[in-house]
């Protein structure tokens, strides 16, 4: 598994949108995204902790490799 970067919540949302996820709603500082039957909740913080980002990727069913590939495209 590649080392995940320190990124902001807004940047993470943009990456997930490039992977086909759609923002469904926002409740406070948490943004809910969905793609088909899978979805995830991303905290809209200045910096997301590595463990939190890993958890979001598991929630969304996205591999770290796929996330890193889209991040660097």
N, C-alpha and C. Protein backbone atom coordinates (compact mmCIF):
# COMPACT_ATOMS: atom_id res chain seq x y z
N UNK A 1 0.85 -1.18 0.00
CA UNK A 1 0.00 0.00 0.00
C UNK A 1 0.89 1.24 0.00
N UNK A 2 0.64 2.17 -0.93
CA UNK A 2 1.46 3.38 -0.97
C UNK A 2 1.16 4.28 0.22
N UNK A 3 2.12 5.10 0.55
CA UNK A 3 1.95 6.03 1.66
C UNK A 3 0.95 7.11 1.26
N UNK A 4 -0.08 7.28 2.07
CA UNK A 4 -1.11 8.28 1.77
C UNK A 4 -0.62 9.68 2.14
N UNK A 5 -1.03 10.67 1.38
CA UNK A 5 -0.56 12.04 1.62
C UNK A 5 -1.42 12.77 2.64
N UNK A 6 -0.90 13.86 3.15
CA UNK A 6 -1.67 14.79 3.98
C UNK A 6 -2.36 15.76 3.02
N UNK A 7 -3.68 15.69 2.92
CA UNK A 7 -4.42 16.59 2.03
C UNK A 7 -5.60 17.16 2.80
N UNK A 8 -6.17 18.22 2.24
CA UNK A 8 -7.34 18.83 2.87
C UNK A 8 -8.60 18.06 2.48
N UNK A 9 -9.67 18.30 3.22
CA UNK A 9 -10.94 17.66 2.91
C UNK A 9 -11.46 18.08 1.55
N UNK A 10 -11.31 19.37 1.21
CA UNK A 10 -11.78 19.87 -0.08
C UNK A 10 -11.02 19.20 -1.23
N UNK A 11 -9.72 19.01 -1.05
CA UNK A 11 -8.91 18.34 -2.09
C UNK A 11 -9.35 16.89 -2.23
N UNK A 12 -9.61 16.22 -1.13
CA UNK A 12 -10.08 14.83 -1.17
C UNK A 12 -11.41 14.73 -1.91
N UNK A 13 -12.30 15.68 -1.67
CA UNK A 13 -13.61 15.67 -2.36
C UNK A 13 -13.39 15.81 -3.86
N UNK A 14 -12.49 16.70 -4.29
CA UNK A 14 -12.22 16.88 -5.73
C UNK A 14 -11.67 15.60 -6.35
N UNK A 15 -10.81 14.89 -5.61
CA UNK A 15 -10.26 13.63 -6.12
C UNK A 15 -11.36 12.58 -6.27
N UNK A 16 -12.22 12.47 -5.26
CA UNK A 16 -13.32 11.51 -5.34
C UNK A 16 -14.28 11.87 -6.47
N UNK A 17 -14.50 13.15 -6.71
CA UNK A 17 -15.36 13.56 -7.82
C UNK A 17 -14.76 13.15 -9.16
N UNK A 18 -13.43 13.21 -9.28
CA UNK A 18 -12.78 12.76 -10.52
C UNK A 18 -12.94 11.25 -10.70
N UNK A 19 -13.15 10.51 -9.60
CA UNK A 19 -13.35 9.07 -9.68
C UNK A 19 -14.83 8.72 -9.89
N UNK A 20 -15.68 9.72 -10.05
CA UNK A 20 -17.08 9.46 -10.35
C UNK A 20 -18.04 9.59 -9.18
N UNK A 21 -17.55 9.96 -8.01
CA UNK A 21 -18.42 10.16 -6.85
C UNK A 21 -19.13 11.51 -6.99
N UNK A 22 -20.31 11.60 -6.40
CA UNK A 22 -21.12 12.81 -6.45
C UNK A 22 -21.40 13.27 -5.02
N UNK A 23 -21.29 14.57 -4.79
CA UNK A 23 -21.61 15.12 -3.47
C UNK A 23 -23.12 15.07 -3.29
N UNK A 24 -23.57 14.36 -2.26
CA UNK A 24 -25.01 14.24 -2.00
C UNK A 24 -25.50 15.34 -1.07
N UNK A 25 -24.72 15.58 0.00
CA UNK A 25 -25.13 16.60 0.97
C UNK A 25 -23.94 16.92 1.87
N UNK A 26 -24.10 17.98 2.63
CA UNK A 26 -23.10 18.35 3.63
C UNK A 26 -23.84 18.65 4.92
N UNK A 27 -23.35 18.04 6.00
CA UNK A 27 -23.93 18.28 7.32
C UNK A 27 -22.81 18.79 8.21
N UNK A 28 -22.79 20.08 8.46
CA UNK A 28 -21.70 20.68 9.22
C UNK A 28 -20.42 20.60 8.42
N UNK A 29 -19.39 19.99 9.01
CA UNK A 29 -18.12 19.89 8.30
C UNK A 29 -17.92 18.52 7.67
N UNK A 30 -18.98 17.75 7.48
CA UNK A 30 -18.87 16.42 6.88
C UNK A 30 -19.61 16.38 5.55
N UNK A 31 -18.90 15.97 4.52
CA UNK A 31 -19.45 15.92 3.16
C UNK A 31 -19.71 14.46 2.80
N UNK A 32 -20.94 14.18 2.38
CA UNK A 32 -21.35 12.82 2.03
C UNK A 32 -21.29 12.67 0.51
N UNK A 33 -20.52 11.68 0.05
CA UNK A 33 -20.39 11.39 -1.38
C UNK A 33 -20.95 10.01 -1.68
N UNK A 34 -21.41 9.82 -2.91
CA UNK A 34 -21.97 8.53 -3.30
C UNK A 34 -21.62 8.24 -4.75
N UNK A 35 -21.40 6.94 -5.01
CA UNK A 35 -21.19 6.44 -6.38
C UNK A 35 -21.85 5.09 -6.43
N UNK A 36 -22.98 5.02 -7.09
CA UNK A 36 -23.73 3.77 -7.12
C UNK A 36 -24.20 3.40 -5.72
N UNK A 37 -23.86 2.21 -5.27
CA UNK A 37 -24.25 1.76 -3.94
C UNK A 37 -23.21 2.10 -2.87
N UNK A 38 -22.01 2.48 -3.28
CA UNK A 38 -20.98 2.78 -2.30
C UNK A 38 -20.94 4.29 -2.04
N UNK A 39 -20.53 4.62 -0.84
CA UNK A 39 -20.44 6.03 -0.47
C UNK A 39 -19.44 6.21 0.64
N UNK A 40 -19.19 7.46 0.98
CA UNK A 40 -18.25 7.77 2.05
C UNK A 40 -18.55 9.15 2.60
N UNK A 41 -18.01 9.41 3.77
CA UNK A 41 -18.15 10.70 4.44
C UNK A 41 -16.76 11.28 4.63
N UNK A 42 -16.55 12.47 4.10
CA UNK A 42 -15.24 13.12 4.20
C UNK A 42 -15.36 14.34 5.09
N UNK A 43 -14.52 14.44 6.12
CA UNK A 43 -14.53 15.64 6.95
C UNK A 43 -13.91 16.80 6.18
N UNK A 44 -14.56 17.93 6.17
CA UNK A 44 -14.06 19.11 5.44
C UNK A 44 -13.13 19.89 6.36
N UNK A 45 -11.98 19.30 6.66
CA UNK A 45 -11.00 19.92 7.54
C UNK A 45 -9.82 20.43 6.73
N UNK A 46 -9.00 21.26 7.36
CA UNK A 46 -7.82 21.81 6.71
C UNK A 46 -6.86 20.69 6.32
N UNK A 47 -6.73 19.68 7.16
CA UNK A 47 -5.88 18.52 6.87
C UNK A 47 -6.54 17.27 7.44
N UNK A 48 -6.68 16.25 6.60
CA UNK A 48 -7.25 14.97 7.03
C UNK A 48 -6.11 14.09 7.50
N UNK A 49 -6.27 13.47 8.65
CA UNK A 49 -5.25 12.55 9.17
C UNK A 49 -5.18 11.32 8.27
N UNK A 50 -4.00 10.71 8.24
CA UNK A 50 -3.75 9.56 7.38
C UNK A 50 -4.71 8.41 7.69
N UNK A 51 -4.93 8.12 8.96
CA UNK A 51 -5.84 7.05 9.35
C UNK A 51 -7.28 7.33 8.93
N UNK A 52 -7.67 8.58 9.01
CA UNK A 52 -9.02 8.97 8.58
C UNK A 52 -9.17 8.79 7.08
N UNK A 53 -8.15 9.20 6.32
CA UNK A 53 -8.19 9.04 4.87
C UNK A 53 -8.25 7.56 4.50
N UNK A 54 -7.49 6.73 5.20
CA UNK A 54 -7.51 5.28 4.94
C UNK A 54 -8.90 4.71 5.22
N UNK A 55 -9.54 5.20 6.27
CA UNK A 55 -10.89 4.75 6.62
C UNK A 55 -11.90 5.18 5.55
N UNK A 56 -11.76 6.40 5.05
CA UNK A 56 -12.65 6.89 3.99
C UNK A 56 -12.48 6.04 2.73
N UNK A 57 -11.26 5.68 2.40
CA UNK A 57 -11.02 4.84 1.22
C UNK A 57 -11.68 3.46 1.39
N UNK A 58 -11.57 2.88 2.58
CA UNK A 58 -12.23 1.59 2.85
C UNK A 58 -13.74 1.73 2.72
N UNK A 59 -14.28 2.81 3.28
CA UNK A 59 -15.72 3.07 3.22
C UNK A 59 -16.20 3.14 1.77
N UNK A 60 -15.41 3.80 0.93
CA UNK A 60 -15.79 4.02 -0.46
C UNK A 60 -15.49 2.83 -1.36
N UNK A 61 -14.70 1.88 -0.85
CA UNK A 61 -14.32 0.73 -1.67
C UNK A 61 -13.28 1.09 -2.71
N UNK A 62 -12.43 2.05 -2.39
CA UNK A 62 -11.38 2.52 -3.31
C UNK A 62 -10.03 2.08 -2.75
N UNK A 63 -9.17 1.55 -3.61
CA UNK A 63 -7.84 1.15 -3.15
C UNK A 63 -6.95 2.38 -3.04
N UNK A 64 -5.94 2.27 -2.20
CA UNK A 64 -4.98 3.37 -2.03
C UNK A 64 -4.24 3.63 -3.34
N UNK A 65 -3.95 2.57 -4.10
CA UNK A 65 -3.24 2.71 -5.37
C UNK A 65 -4.08 3.52 -6.35
N UNK A 66 -5.38 3.21 -6.43
CA UNK A 66 -6.27 3.94 -7.33
C UNK A 66 -6.37 5.41 -6.92
N UNK A 67 -6.48 5.66 -5.62
CA UNK A 67 -6.56 7.02 -5.11
C UNK A 67 -5.30 7.81 -5.46
N UNK A 68 -4.13 7.20 -5.25
CA UNK A 68 -2.87 7.87 -5.55
C UNK A 68 -2.71 8.13 -7.06
N UNK A 69 -3.18 7.19 -7.88
CA UNK A 69 -3.10 7.37 -9.33
C UNK A 69 -3.92 8.58 -9.77
N UNK A 70 -5.14 8.72 -9.24
CA UNK A 70 -5.99 9.86 -9.59
C UNK A 70 -5.42 11.14 -9.01
N UNK A 71 -4.83 11.07 -7.84
CA UNK A 71 -4.23 12.23 -7.20
C UNK A 71 -3.11 12.82 -8.07
N UNK A 72 -2.31 11.96 -8.69
CA UNK A 72 -1.18 12.44 -9.47
C UNK A 72 -1.49 12.66 -10.94
N UNK A 73 -2.71 12.44 -11.37
CA UNK A 73 -3.10 12.70 -12.77
C UNK A 73 -3.43 14.15 -12.99
